[in-house]
Amino acid sequence: MDIHAKLHELGYTLPTAPKPVAAYVPSVQAGDLVFISGQLAFKEGQLLAVGSVPSHVTVEQAYEAARQSVLNALAVLDSHIDQDWQRLVRIVKIGLFVASDPGFPDQPKVANGASELLGQLFGEIGLHARSAVGVIALPLGSTVELELIAQVR
């Protein structure tokens, strides 16, 4: 699987794996599962979206931030598997946290940004279980934070 070619075809590139911003490690493997720590929507050192949806950030902007967050998670996975994407068995689950105004019900629409990209990249093995949760605030004021679990060989 040439993830870089597929990303290029879709108009994306895999960023450098983000460094932790607190006291944790980017990934942990337990058996054949790799747990990727929560990733914010950093692109070139800047958060793509700050604040809650929909008062500060539109659903569309949050959707794009979810896409960047999953790209950052994949960058961590890329590092964890030593760039050998043949090791990927499947994406098991993502969890997306969305900074939300009271009463905002569309966290799943935001999470689709990440889910749809995973499906486009990996096909069947990119289909995954998911949680999309509204929260009052996220680190650094980010609009979204994404966790990912992958099964590897």
Protein backbone atom coordinates (compact mmCIF):
# COMPACT_ATOMS: atom_id res chain seq x y z
CA MET A 1 0.00 0.00 0.00
CA ASP A 2 1.45 3.34 -1.03
CA ILE A 3 -0.28 5.69 1.38
CA HIS A 4 1.76 8.65 0.16
CA ALA A 5 0.59 8.22 -3.43
CA LYS A 6 -3.04 7.83 -2.33
CA LEU A 7 -2.78 10.92 -0.14
CA HIS A 8 -1.26 12.87 -3.03
CA GLU A 9 -4.09 11.73 -5.29
CA LEU A 10 -6.56 13.11 -2.71
CA GLY A 11 -4.64 16.38 -2.34
CA TYR A 12 -3.03 15.67 1.03
CA THR A 13 0.40 14.84 2.37
CA LEU A 14 1.34 12.93 5.49
CA PRO A 15 2.82 15.45 7.92
CA THR A 16 5.73 14.82 10.24
CA ALA A 17 4.48 13.08 13.37
CA PRO A 18 3.58 15.73 15.95
CA LYS A 19 5.54 15.75 19.19
CA PRO A 20 3.61 15.37 22.47
CA VAL A 21 2.62 18.66 24.09
CA ALA A 22 2.34 17.17 27.60
CA ALA A 23 3.36 14.11 29.67
CA TYR A 24 2.40 11.20 27.39
CA VAL A 25 3.73 9.14 24.51
CA PRO A 26 2.33 9.41 20.97
CA SER A 27 1.53 5.70 20.62
CA VAL A 28 1.39 2.50 22.64
CA GLN A 29 1.11 -1.00 21.26
CA ALA A 30 -0.70 -3.73 23.21
CA GLY A 31 -0.71 -7.02 21.34
CA ASP A 32 -1.66 -6.23 17.76
CA LEU A 33 -3.44 -2.97 18.62
CA VAL A 34 -1.77 0.44 18.41
CA PHE A 35 -3.38 3.23 20.41
CA ILE A 36 -2.63 6.70 19.06
CA SER A 37 -2.85 9.51 21.61
CA GLY A 38 -5.26 12.36 20.97
CA GLN A 39 -4.21 14.50 18.02
CA LEU A 40 -5.15 18.12 17.48
CA ALA A 41 -5.59 19.72 14.05
CA PHE A 42 -2.10 21.16 13.77
CA LYS A 43 -0.90 21.98 10.26
CA GLU A 44 2.49 23.61 9.83
CA GLY A 45 2.58 24.48 13.53
CA GLN A 46 -0.83 26.18 13.63
CA LEU A 47 -4.20 24.89 14.78
CA LEU A 48 -6.65 24.89 11.86
CA ALA A 49 -9.61 25.63 14.10
CA VAL A 50 -9.93 27.19 17.55
CA GLY A 51 -13.11 27.52 19.55
CA SER A 52 -16.46 25.83 19.71
CA VAL A 53 -18.84 24.79 16.95
CA PRO A 54 -20.92 26.54 15.65
CA SER A 55 -20.40 29.91 17.37
CA HIS A 56 -16.67 30.26 16.56
CA VAL A 57 -16.08 27.57 13.94
CA THR A 58 -18.43 26.31 11.23
CA VAL A 59 -19.26 22.64 10.83
CA GLU A 60 -17.34 22.70 7.54
CA GLN A 61 -14.22 24.16 9.19
CA ALA A 62 -14.46 21.60 12.00
CA TYR A 63 -14.85 18.82 9.39
CA GLU A 64 -11.55 19.94 7.79
CA ALA A 65 -9.92 20.10 11.23
CA ALA A 66 -11.03 16.49 11.83
CA ARG A 67 -9.33 15.54 8.55
CA GLN A 68 -6.09 17.20 9.69
CA SER A 69 -6.31 15.49 13.07
CA VAL A 70 -6.60 12.06 11.43
CA LEU A 71 -3.66 12.89 9.15
CA ASN A 72 -1.64 13.70 12.27
CA ALA A 73 -2.73 10.42 13.86
CA LEU A 74 -1.68 8.55 10.71
CA ALA A 75 1.70 10.31 10.86
CA VAL A 76 2.15 8.93 14.38
CA LEU A 77 1.11 5.47 13.16
CA ASP A 78 3.53 5.80 10.23
CA SER A 79 6.36 6.41 12.68
CA HIS A 80 5.20 3.59 14.97
CA ILE A 81 5.19 1.01 12.15
CA ASP A 82 8.48 2.27 10.68
CA GLN A 83 6.74 3.44 7.49
CA ASP A 84 5.75 -0.17 6.62
CA TRP A 85 2.05 0.19 5.73
CA GLN A 86 1.91 -3.51 4.80
CA ARG A 87 1.72 -4.02 8.58
CA LEU A 88 -1.68 -2.29 8.80
CA VAL A 89 -4.48 -4.84 9.22
CA ARG A 90 -7.25 -2.27 9.72
CA ILE A 91 -8.32 0.92 11.41
CA VAL A 92 -10.32 -0.34 14.38
CA LYS A 93 -11.79 2.81 15.95
CA ILE A 94 -11.56 6.56 16.12
CA GLY A 95 -12.85 8.84 18.83
CA LEU A 96 -13.44 12.47 17.95
CA PHE A 97 -14.01 15.13 20.57
CA VAL A 98 -15.60 18.35 19.35
CA ALA A 99 -15.64 21.60 21.34
CA SER A 100 -19.35 22.32 21.10
CA ASP A 101 -21.79 25.04 22.03
CA PRO A 102 -24.63 23.91 24.31
CA GLY A 103 -27.28 22.15 22.26
CA PHE A 104 -25.03 21.52 19.24
CA PRO A 105 -26.02 18.04 17.96
CA ASP A 106 -23.84 17.56 14.85
CA GLN A 107 -20.61 16.05 16.20
CA PRO A 108 -21.08 13.09 13.81
CA LYS A 109 -21.00 15.46 10.81
CA VAL A 110 -17.66 16.82 12.06
CA ALA A 111 -16.29 13.30 12.65
CA ASN A 112 -17.18 12.38 9.06
CA GLY A 113 -14.20 14.48 8.00
CA ALA A 114 -11.89 11.88 9.52
CA SER A 115 -14.01 8.81 8.79
CA GLU A 116 -14.51 9.60 5.11
CA LEU A 117 -10.80 10.24 4.60
CA LEU A 118 -9.91 6.90 6.22
CA GLY A 119 -12.35 5.15 3.91
CA GLN A 120 -10.91 6.92 0.86
CA LEU A 121 -7.36 6.04 1.87
CA PHE A 122 -7.75 2.44 2.96
CA GLY A 123 -11.04 1.17 1.55
CA GLU A 124 -12.52 -1.73 3.52
CA ILE A 125 -9.74 -1.78 6.13
CA GLY A 126 -10.32 1.92 6.80
CA LEU A 127 -13.93 1.34 7.91
CA HIS A 128 -14.03 1.62 11.68
CA ALA A 129 -16.07 1.91 14.85
CA ARG A 130 -16.40 5.50 16.08
CA SER A 131 -17.38 7.82 18.88
CA ALA A 132 -18.15 11.50 18.25
CA VAL A 133 -18.50 13.44 21.49
CA GLY A 134 -19.25 17.07 22.27
CA VAL A 135 -17.15 18.65 25.01
CA ILE A 136 -16.95 22.09 26.62
CA ALA A 137 -13.24 22.66 25.87
CA LEU A 138 -10.16 20.97 24.44
CA PRO A 139 -6.41 21.51 24.90
CA LEU A 140 -5.02 24.79 23.53
CA GLY A 141 -8.55 25.86 22.60
CA SER A 142 -8.64 23.36 19.74
CA THR A 143 -11.96 22.66 18.07
CA VAL A 144 -11.28 18.92 17.69
CA GLU A 145 -9.14 16.16 19.15
CA LEU A 146 -8.94 12.69 17.62
CA GLU A 147 -7.86 9.31 19.02
CA LEU A 148 -7.19 6.32 16.77
CA ILE A 149 -6.81 2.59 17.33
CA ALA A 150 -5.26 0.46 14.57
CA GLN A 151 -4.61 -3.25 14.27
CA VAL A 152 -1.16 -4.15 12.93
CA ARG A 153 0.81 -7.27 12.09
